[in-house]
N, C-alpha and C. Protein backbone atom coordinates (compact mmCIF):
# COMPACT_ATOMS: atom_id res chain seq x y z
N UNK A 1 -6.98 1.50 -13.13
CA UNK A 1 -8.29 1.60 -12.52
C UNK A 1 -8.31 2.85 -11.65
N UNK A 2 -9.41 3.55 -11.71
CA UNK A 2 -9.62 4.75 -10.90
C UNK A 2 -10.84 4.50 -10.02
N UNK A 3 -10.71 4.77 -8.73
CA UNK A 3 -11.83 4.55 -7.82
C UNK A 3 -11.71 5.52 -6.65
N UNK A 4 -12.85 5.97 -6.15
CA UNK A 4 -12.90 6.79 -4.94
C UNK A 4 -13.41 5.89 -3.82
N UNK A 5 -12.63 5.79 -2.75
CA UNK A 5 -12.99 4.97 -1.60
C UNK A 5 -12.89 5.84 -0.36
N UNK A 6 -13.98 5.95 0.39
CA UNK A 6 -14.00 6.79 1.59
C UNK A 6 -13.51 8.21 1.31
N UNK A 7 -13.98 8.78 0.22
CA UNK A 7 -13.63 10.14 -0.21
C UNK A 7 -12.16 10.34 -0.54
N UNK A 8 -11.44 9.25 -0.80
CA UNK A 8 -10.04 9.35 -1.24
C UNK A 8 -9.93 8.73 -2.62
N UNK A 9 -9.11 9.38 -3.46
CA UNK A 9 -8.96 8.93 -4.84
C UNK A 9 -7.78 7.96 -4.96
N UNK A 10 -8.02 6.90 -5.70
CA UNK A 10 -6.99 5.89 -5.96
C UNK A 10 -6.96 5.64 -7.46
N UNK A 11 -5.78 5.76 -8.05
CA UNK A 11 -5.65 5.62 -9.50
C UNK A 11 -4.38 4.83 -9.80
N UNK A 12 -4.52 3.69 -10.43
CA UNK A 12 -3.36 2.87 -10.76
C UNK A 12 -2.51 3.51 -11.85
N UNK A 13 -3.06 4.45 -12.59
CA UNK A 13 -2.31 5.12 -13.66
C UNK A 13 -1.36 6.20 -13.13
N UNK A 14 -1.70 6.79 -11.98
CA UNK A 14 -0.89 7.88 -11.46
C UNK A 14 -0.06 7.50 -10.23
N UNK A 15 -0.41 6.41 -9.56
CA UNK A 15 0.34 5.96 -8.38
C UNK A 15 1.57 5.17 -8.83
N UNK A 16 2.53 5.04 -7.92
CA UNK A 16 3.75 4.29 -8.22
C UNK A 16 3.50 2.80 -7.96
N UNK A 17 3.74 2.00 -8.98
CA UNK A 17 3.60 0.55 -8.86
C UNK A 17 4.83 0.02 -8.15
N UNK A 18 4.64 -0.60 -6.98
CA UNK A 18 5.76 -1.07 -6.17
C UNK A 18 6.09 -2.54 -6.40
N UNK A 19 5.06 -3.37 -6.49
CA UNK A 19 5.29 -4.81 -6.64
C UNK A 19 3.98 -5.48 -7.05
N UNK A 20 4.13 -6.65 -7.67
CA UNK A 20 2.96 -7.41 -8.09
C UNK A 20 3.13 -8.88 -7.72
N UNK A 21 2.02 -9.55 -7.53
CA UNK A 21 1.99 -10.96 -7.19
C UNK A 21 0.78 -11.60 -7.88
N UNK A 22 0.92 -12.83 -8.30
CA UNK A 22 -0.25 -13.59 -8.74
C UNK A 22 -0.09 -15.03 -8.27
N UNK A 23 -1.18 -15.78 -8.31
CA UNK A 23 -1.15 -17.13 -7.78
C UNK A 23 -0.69 -18.18 -8.79
N UNK A 24 -0.23 -17.76 -9.95
CA UNK A 24 0.32 -18.68 -10.93
C UNK A 24 -0.69 -19.41 -11.77
N UNK A 25 -1.95 -19.08 -11.61
CA UNK A 25 -3.03 -19.70 -12.39
C UNK A 25 -3.26 -18.85 -13.64
N UNK A 26 -3.62 -19.46 -14.75
CA UNK A 26 -3.88 -18.70 -15.98
C UNK A 26 -4.97 -17.66 -15.73
N UNK A 27 -4.84 -16.50 -16.38
CA UNK A 27 -5.73 -15.37 -16.11
C UNK A 27 -7.17 -15.62 -16.53
N UNK A 28 -7.43 -16.64 -17.35
CA UNK A 28 -8.82 -16.92 -17.73
C UNK A 28 -9.45 -18.00 -16.84
N UNK A 29 -8.73 -18.44 -15.80
CA UNK A 29 -9.21 -19.46 -14.88
C UNK A 29 -10.09 -18.81 -13.80
N UNK A 30 -11.10 -19.53 -13.34
CA UNK A 30 -11.99 -19.01 -12.29
C UNK A 30 -11.23 -18.71 -11.00
N UNK A 31 -10.10 -19.39 -10.76
CA UNK A 31 -9.35 -19.22 -9.52
C UNK A 31 -8.18 -18.25 -9.63
N UNK A 32 -8.02 -17.59 -10.76
CA UNK A 32 -6.93 -16.63 -10.96
C UNK A 32 -7.04 -15.49 -9.96
N UNK A 33 -5.91 -15.15 -9.32
CA UNK A 33 -5.83 -14.00 -8.41
C UNK A 33 -4.54 -13.25 -8.66
N UNK A 34 -4.60 -11.95 -8.72
CA UNK A 34 -3.41 -11.11 -8.86
C UNK A 34 -3.61 -9.85 -8.03
N UNK A 35 -2.52 -9.40 -7.41
CA UNK A 35 -2.57 -8.19 -6.61
C UNK A 35 -1.33 -7.35 -6.89
N UNK A 36 -1.52 -6.04 -6.92
CA UNK A 36 -0.41 -5.11 -7.14
C UNK A 36 -0.44 -4.06 -6.05
N UNK A 37 0.71 -3.84 -5.44
CA UNK A 37 0.85 -2.84 -4.38
C UNK A 37 1.27 -1.51 -5.01
N UNK A 38 0.57 -0.45 -4.65
CA UNK A 38 0.86 0.90 -5.14
C UNK A 38 1.07 1.86 -3.98
N UNK A 39 1.80 2.95 -4.27
CA UNK A 39 1.95 4.04 -3.31
C UNK A 39 1.61 5.34 -4.04
N UNK A 40 0.71 6.12 -3.42
CA UNK A 40 0.33 7.41 -4.00
C UNK A 40 1.40 8.46 -3.69
N UNK A 41 1.31 9.60 -4.35
CA UNK A 41 2.27 10.69 -4.13
C UNK A 41 2.28 11.16 -2.68
N UNK A 42 1.13 11.06 -2.00
CA UNK A 42 1.06 11.47 -0.60
C UNK A 42 1.48 10.35 0.35
N UNK A 43 2.09 9.29 -0.20
CA UNK A 43 2.64 8.16 0.53
C UNK A 43 1.59 7.20 1.09
N UNK A 44 0.34 7.33 0.66
CA UNK A 44 -0.68 6.34 1.03
C UNK A 44 -0.53 5.12 0.14
N UNK A 45 -0.80 3.96 0.69
CA UNK A 45 -0.69 2.71 -0.05
C UNK A 45 -2.07 2.18 -0.42
N UNK A 46 -2.10 1.39 -1.48
CA UNK A 46 -3.31 0.64 -1.81
C UNK A 46 -2.94 -0.56 -2.64
N UNK A 47 -3.86 -1.52 -2.67
CA UNK A 47 -3.67 -2.74 -3.44
C UNK A 47 -4.76 -2.79 -4.51
N UNK A 48 -4.34 -3.05 -5.74
CA UNK A 48 -5.30 -3.32 -6.81
C UNK A 48 -5.36 -4.83 -6.93
N UNK A 49 -6.54 -5.38 -6.67
CA UNK A 49 -6.72 -6.82 -6.76
C UNK A 49 -7.65 -7.16 -7.90
N UNK A 50 -7.37 -8.28 -8.53
CA UNK A 50 -8.24 -8.78 -9.59
C UNK A 50 -8.26 -10.29 -9.53
N UNK A 51 -9.37 -10.85 -9.99
CA UNK A 51 -9.44 -12.30 -9.94
C UNK A 51 -10.63 -12.85 -10.70
N UNK A 52 -10.61 -14.17 -10.82
CA UNK A 52 -11.65 -14.88 -11.55
C UNK A 52 -12.95 -15.00 -10.76
N UNK A 53 -13.89 -15.68 -11.35
CA UNK A 53 -15.24 -15.79 -10.80
C UNK A 53 -15.30 -16.54 -9.48
N UNK A 54 -14.28 -17.32 -9.15
CA UNK A 54 -14.28 -18.08 -7.90
C UNK A 54 -13.42 -17.43 -6.82
N UNK A 55 -13.10 -16.14 -6.97
CA UNK A 55 -12.25 -15.45 -6.00
C UNK A 55 -13.03 -14.35 -5.30
N UNK A 56 -12.39 -13.77 -4.30
CA UNK A 56 -13.01 -12.66 -3.58
C UNK A 56 -13.17 -11.41 -4.44
N UNK A 57 -12.54 -11.39 -5.61
CA UNK A 57 -12.64 -10.24 -6.51
C UNK A 57 -13.78 -10.38 -7.53
N UNK A 58 -14.46 -11.49 -7.52
CA UNK A 58 -15.54 -11.74 -8.47
C UNK A 58 -16.63 -10.68 -8.35
N UNK A 59 -17.27 -10.39 -9.45
CA UNK A 59 -18.39 -9.45 -9.48
C UNK A 59 -19.63 -10.19 -9.96
N UNK A 60 -20.77 -9.76 -9.46
CA UNK A 60 -22.03 -10.38 -9.86
C UNK A 60 -22.75 -9.48 -10.85
N UNK A 61 -23.33 -10.12 -11.84
CA UNK A 61 -24.14 -9.45 -12.84
C UNK A 61 -25.45 -10.21 -12.91
N UNK A 62 -26.39 -9.81 -12.07
CA UNK A 62 -27.63 -10.58 -11.98
C UNK A 62 -27.34 -11.93 -11.35
N UNK A 63 -27.59 -12.98 -12.10
CA UNK A 63 -27.35 -14.34 -11.60
C UNK A 63 -25.96 -14.86 -11.96
N UNK A 64 -25.22 -14.12 -12.73
CA UNK A 64 -23.90 -14.56 -13.19
C UNK A 64 -22.80 -13.99 -12.31
N UNK A 65 -21.76 -14.78 -12.13
CA UNK A 65 -20.56 -14.33 -11.44
C UNK A 65 -19.43 -14.32 -12.46
N UNK A 66 -18.67 -13.23 -12.46
CA UNK A 66 -17.59 -13.10 -13.44
C UNK A 66 -16.36 -12.51 -12.78
N UNK A 67 -15.27 -12.51 -13.53
CA UNK A 67 -14.03 -11.92 -13.04
C UNK A 67 -14.27 -10.47 -12.65
N UNK A 68 -13.50 -9.99 -11.68
CA UNK A 68 -13.66 -8.61 -11.24
C UNK A 68 -12.35 -8.04 -10.70
N UNK A 69 -12.43 -6.79 -10.27
CA UNK A 69 -11.27 -6.11 -9.71
C UNK A 69 -11.74 -5.10 -8.68
N UNK A 70 -10.84 -4.70 -7.81
CA UNK A 70 -11.18 -3.68 -6.82
C UNK A 70 -9.91 -3.02 -6.29
N UNK A 71 -10.11 -1.91 -5.61
CA UNK A 71 -9.05 -1.16 -4.95
C UNK A 71 -9.23 -1.36 -3.44
N UNK A 72 -8.12 -1.68 -2.76
CA UNK A 72 -8.15 -1.88 -1.32
C UNK A 72 -7.17 -0.90 -0.68
N UNK A 73 -7.67 0.16 -0.02
CA UNK A 73 -6.76 1.07 0.68
C UNK A 73 -5.99 0.30 1.75
N UNK A 74 -4.73 0.69 1.98
CA UNK A 74 -3.90 -0.01 2.96
C UNK A 74 -3.06 0.98 3.75
N UNK A 75 -2.94 0.72 5.04
CA UNK A 75 -2.01 1.49 5.86
C UNK A 75 -0.60 1.00 5.53
N UNK A 76 0.40 1.70 6.03
CA UNK A 76 1.77 1.24 5.80
C UNK A 76 1.97 -0.13 6.43
N UNK A 77 1.39 -0.35 7.60
CA UNK A 77 1.51 -1.65 8.26
C UNK A 77 0.89 -2.76 7.40
N UNK A 78 -0.27 -2.49 6.81
CA UNK A 78 -0.91 -3.47 5.94
C UNK A 78 -0.11 -3.71 4.67
N UNK A 79 0.48 -2.64 4.13
CA UNK A 79 1.32 -2.78 2.93
C UNK A 79 2.55 -3.63 3.26
N UNK A 80 3.15 -3.39 4.42
CA UNK A 80 4.29 -4.19 4.84
C UNK A 80 3.92 -5.66 5.03
N UNK A 81 2.75 -5.90 5.63
CA UNK A 81 2.29 -7.27 5.83
C UNK A 81 2.04 -7.97 4.49
N UNK A 82 1.45 -7.24 3.54
CA UNK A 82 1.23 -7.81 2.20
C UNK A 82 2.57 -8.15 1.56
N UNK A 83 3.53 -7.23 1.65
CA UNK A 83 4.84 -7.45 1.05
C UNK A 83 5.56 -8.61 1.73
N UNK A 84 5.44 -8.71 3.04
CA UNK A 84 6.06 -9.80 3.77
C UNK A 84 5.52 -11.15 3.31
N UNK A 85 4.22 -11.20 3.03
CA UNK A 85 3.59 -12.44 2.60
C UNK A 85 3.90 -12.80 1.14
N UNK A 86 4.00 -11.80 0.27
CA UNK A 86 4.06 -12.07 -1.17
C UNK A 86 5.42 -11.81 -1.84
N UNK A 87 6.35 -11.15 -1.17
CA UNK A 87 7.61 -10.78 -1.82
C UNK A 87 8.80 -11.45 -1.16
N UNK A 88 9.91 -11.50 -1.89
CA UNK A 88 11.15 -11.98 -1.28
C UNK A 88 11.79 -10.82 -0.50
N UNK A 89 12.84 -11.13 0.25
CA UNK A 89 13.47 -10.13 1.10
C UNK A 89 14.05 -8.95 0.35
N UNK A 90 14.66 -9.21 -0.81
CA UNK A 90 15.25 -8.12 -1.59
C UNK A 90 14.20 -7.12 -2.06
N UNK A 91 13.06 -7.64 -2.55
CA UNK A 91 11.99 -6.74 -3.01
C UNK A 91 11.39 -5.97 -1.84
N UNK A 92 11.24 -6.63 -0.69
CA UNK A 92 10.74 -5.95 0.50
C UNK A 92 11.67 -4.80 0.88
N UNK A 93 12.98 -5.08 0.94
CA UNK A 93 13.96 -4.05 1.30
C UNK A 93 13.97 -2.91 0.28
N UNK A 94 13.79 -3.23 -1.00
CA UNK A 94 13.77 -2.20 -2.05
C UNK A 94 12.62 -1.22 -1.82
N UNK A 95 11.50 -1.71 -1.35
CA UNK A 95 10.32 -0.87 -1.16
C UNK A 95 10.36 -0.12 0.18
N UNK A 96 10.67 -0.84 1.25
CA UNK A 96 10.55 -0.27 2.59
C UNK A 96 11.87 0.02 3.27
N UNK A 97 12.98 -0.37 2.65
CA UNK A 97 14.27 -0.23 3.29
C UNK A 97 14.55 -1.42 4.18
N UNK A 98 15.79 -1.57 4.54
CA UNK A 98 16.18 -2.70 5.38
C UNK A 98 15.66 -2.48 6.79
N UNK A 99 14.95 -3.46 7.36
CA UNK A 99 14.43 -3.30 8.72
C UNK A 99 15.55 -3.13 9.74
N UNK A 100 15.33 -2.27 10.73
CA UNK A 100 16.29 -2.06 11.79
C UNK A 100 15.87 -2.90 12.99
N UNK A 101 16.85 -3.49 13.65
CA UNK A 101 16.56 -4.27 14.86
C UNK A 101 16.10 -3.33 15.97
N UNK A 102 15.16 -3.80 16.77
CA UNK A 102 14.70 -3.02 17.92
C UNK A 102 13.79 -1.87 17.57
N UNK A 103 13.15 -1.93 16.41
CA UNK A 103 12.22 -0.86 16.02
C UNK A 103 10.84 -1.44 15.77
N UNK A 104 9.84 -0.57 15.80
CA UNK A 104 8.46 -0.95 15.50
C UNK A 104 7.91 0.02 14.46
N UNK A 105 7.02 -0.45 13.63
CA UNK A 105 6.39 0.41 12.63
C UNK A 105 5.02 0.84 13.13
N UNK A 106 4.76 2.14 13.02
CA UNK A 106 3.51 2.71 13.51
C UNK A 106 2.92 3.57 12.42
N UNK A 107 1.62 3.47 12.23
CA UNK A 107 0.91 4.33 11.29
C UNK A 107 0.01 5.25 12.09
N UNK A 108 0.13 6.55 11.85
CA UNK A 108 -0.70 7.53 12.55
C UNK A 108 -1.33 8.48 11.53
N UNK A 109 -2.44 9.04 11.92
CA UNK A 109 -3.09 10.05 11.09
C UNK A 109 -2.93 11.39 11.80
N UNK A 110 -2.38 12.37 11.08
CA UNK A 110 -2.18 13.70 11.65
C UNK A 110 -2.84 14.73 10.74
N UNK A 111 -3.02 15.92 11.26
CA UNK A 111 -3.64 16.98 10.48
C UNK A 111 -2.73 17.41 9.33
N UNK A 112 -3.31 18.05 8.34
CA UNK A 112 -2.51 18.57 7.22
C UNK A 112 -1.50 19.61 7.70
N UNK A 113 -1.89 20.39 8.71
CA UNK A 113 -0.98 21.42 9.24
C UNK A 113 0.22 20.77 9.90
N UNK A 114 -0.02 19.72 10.69
CA UNK A 114 1.09 19.01 11.34
C UNK A 114 1.98 18.33 10.30
N UNK A 115 1.37 17.78 9.28
CA UNK A 115 2.14 17.13 8.20
C UNK A 115 3.02 18.15 7.49
N UNK A 116 2.50 19.34 7.24
CA UNK A 116 3.28 20.39 6.59
C UNK A 116 4.49 20.78 7.44
N UNK A 117 4.29 20.88 8.77
CA UNK A 117 5.42 21.20 9.67
C UNK A 117 6.44 20.07 9.68
N UNK A 118 5.96 18.84 9.65
CA UNK A 118 6.86 17.68 9.63
C UNK A 118 7.69 17.68 8.34
N UNK A 119 7.03 17.96 7.22
CA UNK A 119 7.74 18.02 5.94
C UNK A 119 8.76 19.15 5.92
N UNK A 120 8.40 20.29 6.50
CA UNK A 120 9.32 21.44 6.55
C UNK A 120 10.55 21.10 7.40
N UNK A 121 10.31 20.46 8.54
CA UNK A 121 11.43 20.08 9.40
C UNK A 121 12.31 19.05 8.71
N UNK A 122 11.70 18.16 7.98
CA UNK A 122 12.44 17.13 7.25
C UNK A 122 13.35 17.78 6.20
N UNK A 123 12.80 18.74 5.46
CA UNK A 123 13.58 19.43 4.42
C UNK A 123 14.70 20.27 5.02
N UNK A 124 14.40 20.95 6.12
CA UNK A 124 15.36 21.85 6.76
C UNK A 124 16.55 21.09 7.34
N UNK A 125 16.26 20.00 8.06
CA UNK A 125 17.30 19.29 8.79
C UNK A 125 17.86 18.08 8.04
N UNK A 126 17.18 17.66 6.99
CA UNK A 126 17.62 16.49 6.25
C UNK A 126 17.40 15.19 7.02
N UNK A 127 16.58 15.23 8.05
CA UNK A 127 16.28 14.04 8.84
C UNK A 127 15.06 13.32 8.26
N UNK A 128 14.91 12.08 8.63
CA UNK A 128 13.71 11.35 8.23
C UNK A 128 12.56 11.75 9.14
N UNK A 129 11.34 11.49 8.70
CA UNK A 129 10.18 11.76 9.54
C UNK A 129 10.26 10.96 10.84
N UNK A 130 10.71 9.72 10.74
CA UNK A 130 10.85 8.87 11.93
C UNK A 130 11.82 9.48 12.94
N UNK A 131 12.95 10.01 12.44
CA UNK A 131 13.94 10.63 13.32
C UNK A 131 13.35 11.84 14.03
N UNK A 132 12.59 12.65 13.31
CA UNK A 132 12.00 13.87 13.89
C UNK A 132 10.99 13.50 14.97
N UNK A 133 10.12 12.56 14.67
CA UNK A 133 9.07 12.15 15.62
C UNK A 133 9.71 11.52 16.86
N UNK A 134 10.70 10.65 16.64
CA UNK A 134 11.36 10.00 17.77
C UNK A 134 12.05 11.02 18.67
N UNK A 135 12.71 12.00 18.07
CA UNK A 135 13.39 13.01 18.90
C UNK A 135 12.38 13.84 19.69
N UNK A 136 11.22 14.12 19.12
CA UNK A 136 10.18 14.85 19.84
C UNK A 136 9.63 14.02 21.00
N UNK A 137 9.38 12.75 20.74
CA UNK A 137 8.81 11.89 21.77
C UNK A 137 9.78 11.59 22.90
N UNK A 138 11.05 11.42 22.56
CA UNK A 138 12.05 11.07 23.56
C UNK A 138 12.75 12.29 24.14
N UNK A 139 12.39 13.48 23.64
CA UNK A 139 12.96 14.71 24.16
C UNK A 139 14.44 14.86 23.88
N UNK A 140 14.87 14.38 22.71
CA UNK A 140 16.29 14.47 22.38
C UNK A 140 16.62 15.78 21.71
C-alpha cells in the first residue's frame, strides 16, 4: 500500500517489514484485524493496519461497510509500544535491541542540517546517535 499522510510518503513495498500481528480470526470475518510494523529508510516507523467490516479499519461505501486498510504513522515510542503489546521479547529485542536498565527512550524532531551533522559524527566516530546526543547533553 502506498499513501501520503501529512506530506510524508509511506509505502509497504519499499519500507522494511519488521513484524506482523493478527487477532487469529479468519481474514474473511468481520472482526479480522491484522497489523504490520514497518520502518522507512529514514528510520521513521509506520503501521499498516487492515481489518473486516466490524473493525476500526472498515471503510464505508455509501450505506455499506466493508473491509479496509490504512497507514498509521508512528513515532519510535509508539512503535515500541506496539511491539511491546504484540510481540514476544525475542522479536522486540531483534527490532529495537536489548533494553538497557536506567535508560529512557525519547523521540525528537530535528532539522535536516542537524540530522546530517549527527549522521556525519556517527560515521566518523563509530558511535551511536544516542551516545553522541548523551555526550553533548552531559558535556562528556
